[in-house]
Protein backbone atom coordinates (compact mmCIF):
# COMPACT_ATOMS: atom_id res chain seq x y z
CA MET A 1 131.06 71.25 126.73
CA VAL A 2 130.26 71.13 123.35
CA LYS A 3 126.36 70.87 123.60
CA LEU A 4 126.63 74.47 125.45
CA LEU A 5 128.80 75.90 122.59
CA VAL A 6 126.63 74.92 120.13
CA GLY A 7 123.87 75.82 121.89
CA THR A 8 125.04 79.03 122.60
CA GLN A 9 126.32 79.10 118.16
CA VAL A 10 122.69 77.98 117.69
CA LEU A 11 121.07 81.04 120.02
CA ALA A 12 123.42 83.51 118.57
CA MET A 13 122.38 82.59 114.91
CA GLY A 14 118.74 82.91 115.79
CA GLY A 15 119.09 86.67 117.30
CA LEU A 16 121.50 87.21 114.31
CA VAL A 17 118.07 86.04 112.21
CA THR A 18 115.87 87.99 114.12
CA SER A 19 117.64 91.01 113.77
CA LEU A 20 118.12 90.69 110.11
CA ALA A 21 114.20 89.91 110.00
CA PHE A 22 113.03 92.75 111.69
CA MET A 23 115.77 95.30 109.43
CA GLN A 24 114.23 93.51 106.70
CA LYS A 25 111.09 94.42 107.63
CA GLU A 26 111.58 98.25 108.39
CA LYS A 27 113.08 98.56 104.80
CA GLY A 28 110.19 97.15 103.35
CA LYS A 29 108.05 99.88 105.11
CA ILE A 30 110.45 102.43 103.81
CA ARG A 31 110.16 101.03 100.10
CA SER A 32 106.85 100.72 100.33
CA LEU A 33 106.32 104.44 101.25
CA GLN A 34 108.67 105.71 98.46
CA LYS A 35 106.78 103.34 95.90
CA ASN A 36 103.51 104.96 96.91
CA ALA A 37 104.94 108.38 96.34
CA MET A 38 106.39 107.26 93.18
CA ASP A 39 103.25 105.86 92.01
CA ILE A 40 101.86 109.25 92.83
CA ILE A 41 104.37 110.69 90.51
CA GLY A 42 104.63 107.75 87.81
CA TYR A 43 101.92 108.92 85.69
CA VAL A 44 103.91 112.07 84.74
CA HIS A 45 107.03 110.55 85.20
CA GLY A 46 108.65 111.44 81.88
CA ARG A 47 106.58 114.65 81.09
CA VAL A 48 107.80 117.59 83.30
CA GLN A 49 110.07 118.80 80.41
CA ASP A 50 107.22 118.72 77.66
CA VAL A 51 104.82 120.49 80.54
CA LEU A 52 107.53 122.97 80.71
CA ARG A 53 107.81 123.45 76.99
CA MET A 54 104.36 124.97 76.36
CA THR A 55 105.04 127.62 79.30
CA GLU A 56 105.24 131.02 78.63
CA THR A 57 108.64 131.00 81.04
CA ALA A 58 109.75 127.74 79.57
CA GLU A 59 113.50 128.43 78.23
CA VAL A 60 113.97 129.93 81.98
CA GLU A 61 112.52 127.40 83.75
CA GLU A 62 114.18 124.22 81.85
CA GLU A 63 117.47 126.02 81.97
CA LYS A 64 117.37 126.16 85.89
CA ILE A 65 116.18 122.33 86.11
CA SER A 66 118.86 121.46 83.29
CA THR A 67 121.43 123.15 85.91
CA ARG A 68 120.31 122.92 89.06
CA GLU A 69 123.27 120.37 90.59
CA GLU A 70 125.46 123.07 89.28
CA VAL A 71 123.99 125.81 91.67
CA ILE A 72 125.89 126.74 94.70
CA VAL A 73 123.84 128.49 97.37
CA THR A 74 125.73 130.73 99.39
CA PRO A 75 125.05 132.14 102.63
CA ASP A 76 124.21 135.64 100.90
CA ASP A 77 121.99 133.62 98.54
CA HIS A 78 119.45 132.33 101.50
CA VAL A 79 119.10 135.74 102.78
CA LYS A 80 118.35 137.04 99.57
CA VAL A 81 115.78 134.52 99.47
CA GLN A 82 114.21 134.98 102.90
CA GLN A 83 114.26 139.04 101.59
CA LEU A 84 112.37 138.20 98.46
CA LEU A 85 110.13 135.90 99.98
CA ARG A 86 108.41 138.84 102.61
CA LYS A 87 108.35 140.30 99.43
CA ALA A 88 106.17 137.45 97.91
CA GLU A 89 104.12 137.54 101.07
CA LYS A 90 103.17 141.20 100.88
CA ALA A 91 102.59 140.30 97.46
CA LEU A 92 100.32 137.73 98.24
CA ASP A 93 98.12 139.40 100.66
CA GLU A 94 97.16 141.54 97.95
CA GLU A 95 96.56 139.33 95.63
CA ASP A 96 99.12 140.44 92.66
CA PHE A 97 99.52 137.01 91.64
CA GLU A 98 101.97 137.83 88.93
CA GLU A 99 104.20 140.27 91.00
CA VAL A 100 104.59 136.93 93.43
CA GLU A 101 105.36 134.60 90.19
CA ARG A 102 107.81 137.05 89.31
CA ILE A 103 109.46 137.43 92.90
CA CYS A 104 109.70 133.52 93.34
CA ILE A 105 111.13 133.19 90.09
CA GLU A 106 113.80 135.47 90.82
CA ALA A 107 114.12 133.57 94.02
CA LEU A 108 114.46 130.22 92.42
CA ALA A 109 117.40 131.82 90.15
CA LEU A 110 119.34 131.80 93.75
CA ASN A 111 118.09 128.38 95.40
CA PRO A 112 115.87 126.20 93.02
CA ASP A 113 115.55 123.83 95.74
CA ASP A 114 113.58 126.21 98.29
CA GLU A 115 110.80 124.39 99.65
CA ASP A 116 108.81 127.49 100.57
CA VAL A 117 109.65 129.46 97.14
CA ASN A 118 108.85 126.87 95.66
CA THR A 119 105.38 126.04 97.15
CA THR A 120 104.27 129.46 97.25
CA LEU A 121 105.11 129.69 93.41
CA ALA A 122 103.03 126.32 92.78
CA TYR A 123 100.13 128.34 95.11
CA VAL A 124 100.07 130.80 92.91
CA TYR A 125 100.14 129.13 89.63
CA ARG A 126 96.73 126.89 90.84
CA LYS A 127 95.12 130.71 92.05
CA GLN A 128 95.82 131.86 88.09
CA ASP A 129 94.71 128.18 86.62
CA LYS A 130 98.26 127.46 85.23
CA LEU A 131 97.26 124.19 87.08
CA SER A 132 100.17 122.17 84.81
CA LYS A 133 102.62 124.29 86.21
CA ALA A 134 101.55 124.34 89.39
CA GLU A 135 101.57 119.91 89.04
CA SER A 136 105.01 120.29 87.63
CA ILE A 137 106.38 121.57 90.52
CA TYR A 138 104.58 119.45 92.96
CA VAL A 139 105.92 116.41 91.28
CA HIS A 140 109.79 117.12 91.37
CA LEU A 141 109.68 118.04 95.08
CA ILE A 142 108.12 114.47 95.39
CA GLU A 143 110.86 113.28 92.98
CA GLU A 144 113.36 115.09 94.93
CA GLY A 145 111.77 112.60 98.14
CA ASN A 146 110.47 115.29 99.84
CA GLN A 147 107.51 113.83 102.32
CA ASP A 148 106.00 117.03 103.62
CA PRO A 149 102.52 116.01 103.55
CA ALA A 150 101.65 119.48 102.55
CA ILE A 151 103.18 118.72 99.48
CA PHE A 152 100.77 115.67 98.20
CA SER A 153 97.80 117.34 99.33
CA GLY A 154 99.38 120.55 97.53
CA LEU A 155 99.39 117.87 94.21
CA GLY A 156 96.07 116.58 95.32
CA ARG A 157 94.50 119.83 94.90
CA VAL A 158 95.72 120.38 91.61
CA LEU A 159 94.68 116.78 90.00
CA GLU A 160 91.29 117.60 91.44
CA ASP A 161 90.84 120.80 89.96
CA GLN A 162 91.43 119.16 86.88
CA ASN A 163 88.89 116.56 87.58
CA ARG A 164 91.71 113.87 87.72
CA THR A 165 89.74 112.25 90.92
CA GLU A 166 91.13 108.65 91.20
CA MET A 167 95.09 110.18 91.39
CA ALA A 168 93.59 113.29 93.59
CA LEU A 169 92.38 110.19 95.78
CA ARG A 170 95.81 108.63 95.96
CA ALA A 171 97.47 111.86 96.44
CA TYR A 172 95.52 113.10 99.20
CA SER A 173 95.95 109.78 100.88
CA GLU A 174 99.59 109.96 100.37
CA ALA A 175 99.16 113.41 102.70
CA LEU A 176 96.95 111.33 105.50
CA LYS A 177 99.88 108.34 105.83
CA ARG A 178 102.24 111.20 106.42
CA ASP A 179 99.71 113.29 108.76
CA PRO A 180 97.44 110.46 110.04
CA HIS A 181 96.30 112.40 113.21
CA ASN A 182 94.97 115.60 110.92
CA ALA A 183 91.31 115.64 111.38
CA ALA A 184 91.21 117.98 108.15
CA ARG A 185 93.25 115.61 105.93
CA HIS A 186 90.55 112.68 106.74
CA ALA A 187 87.65 115.21 105.82
CA THR A 188 89.56 116.09 102.48
CA LEU A 189 89.48 112.43 101.98
CA ALA A 190 86.04 111.70 102.65
CA GLN A 191 85.14 114.47 100.59
CA MET A 192 86.61 112.95 97.60
CA TYR A 193 85.39 109.45 98.73
CA GLY A 194 81.64 110.89 98.42
CA LYS A 195 82.68 112.61 94.51
CA THR A 196 83.63 109.28 93.43
CA GLY A 197 80.46 107.54 95.59
CA ALA A 198 81.90 105.52 97.86
CA THR A 199 79.31 106.30 100.69
CA ARG A 200 80.45 103.82 103.22
CA GLU A 201 84.60 104.81 102.44
CA ALA A 202 83.10 108.52 102.75
CA ILE A 203 81.75 107.67 106.39
CA GLU A 204 84.67 106.06 107.55
CA ALA A 205 86.87 108.92 106.65
CA TYR A 206 84.61 111.83 108.42
CA GLU A 207 84.00 109.42 111.63
CA GLN A 208 88.15 109.29 111.54
CA ALA A 209 87.97 112.92 111.15
CA LEU A 210 85.80 113.57 114.48
CA ARG A 211 87.95 111.31 115.96
CA TYR A 212 90.79 114.33 115.92
CA ASP A 213 87.95 117.18 115.81
CA SER A 214 85.04 116.01 117.90
CA LYS A 215 82.90 119.30 117.59
CA ASN A 216 83.25 120.08 114.75
CA THR A 217 79.51 120.85 112.70
CA GLU A 218 80.47 120.54 109.17
CA TYR A 219 81.82 116.70 110.04
CA MET A 220 78.64 116.06 111.85
CA PHE A 221 76.57 117.24 108.72
CA ALA A 222 78.60 115.76 106.43
CA LEU A 223 77.84 112.76 108.09
CA VAL A 224 74.21 113.00 108.57
CA GLU A 225 73.67 113.47 104.90
CA ALA A 226 76.25 110.27 104.36
CA TYR A 227 74.32 108.13 106.64
CA MET A 228 71.11 109.08 104.99
CA GLN A 229 72.02 107.89 101.81
CA VAL A 230 72.26 104.59 102.90
CA ASP A 231 69.27 105.09 104.56
CA ALA A 232 70.95 104.64 108.07
CA LEU A 233 68.36 107.20 109.66
CA MET A 234 69.13 106.34 113.20
CA MET A 235 73.05 107.12 112.73
CA ALA A 236 71.87 110.30 111.42
CA THR A 237 69.63 110.90 113.98
CA LYS A 238 72.43 110.60 116.29
CA TYR A 239 75.09 113.08 114.62
CA LEU A 240 72.34 115.33 115.12
CA ASP A 241 71.56 115.13 118.33
CA ALA A 242 75.04 115.42 118.70
CA ILE A 243 74.98 119.11 116.78
CA LEU A 244 72.01 119.91 119.09
CA TYR A 245 73.67 119.36 122.00
CA ASN A 246 76.97 121.55 120.79
CA GLU A 247 74.43 124.26 119.56
CA PRO A 248 71.04 123.84 120.72
CA TYR A 249 70.10 126.63 118.71
CA ASN A 250 71.57 125.34 115.32
CA GLU A 251 68.27 125.81 112.56
CA LYS A 252 69.53 123.28 110.38
CA ALA A 253 69.97 120.93 112.25
CA LYS A 254 66.17 120.96 113.89
CA ALA A 255 64.65 120.87 110.85
CA MET A 256 66.78 117.73 109.40
CA LEU A 257 65.86 116.10 112.99
CA LEU A 258 62.19 116.95 112.67
CA GLY A 259 62.00 115.69 108.94
CA ILE A 260 63.41 112.49 109.56
CA LYS A 261 60.71 112.08 112.51
CA GLU A 262 57.80 113.41 110.63
CA GLN A 263 59.02 110.37 107.86
CA GLY A 264 58.38 108.06 111.14
CA LYS A 265 61.03 106.38 110.49
CA ILE A 266 62.78 106.49 113.95
């Protein structure tokens, strides 16, 4: 009887240890994801205020950030923000970026944490080549714990515009981790690998893009060029054949295929 009780206790303890181990593993995954996100913004941590001081609306924006916790958003404020967003969308259609900026700042005075307003403003700042401002918004959203892959992609584009390729690559990678079945995100990562000369990695990323968008001719042409760079002409031919299967009259694919055959390498 004693042996039975001891055995039962051992089994129970074993189950508890297994459960704790599983919980620790899951917590570890979450911490890893959070750490990766914070690594992306670590290089600008502590610089947000400095960036804002260099902008035309620095005093207004710094005051909003410093009093962010004190803002109480009422249901009426939410309604007003939505109305302002509709006005901003109309101005955006007309490419009146200064008007969009004005409307967004007005909306942020009502609700500083509205994601749609913040991302719209960041997009407009980028269109106006105000890259530091756009970067600051994306960084703040990530610091606040936003896990939307579009936020990481937005940061990646701004970093890419500033020729900060390595950091852009990391930002795009974080976007892909949060949206792994998105063909366009794989392709964006592939393009960045191509810029860094990492052709093998670019090929792998384009292959993944085609996995989720199997008839995308643009990705196939990119793969053809990448495979030709590493002298893998049989693989290049494979994708040219695939293009012509989907688009029999694609003259570019025909010309490239003929060029490879004339070299006598296949």
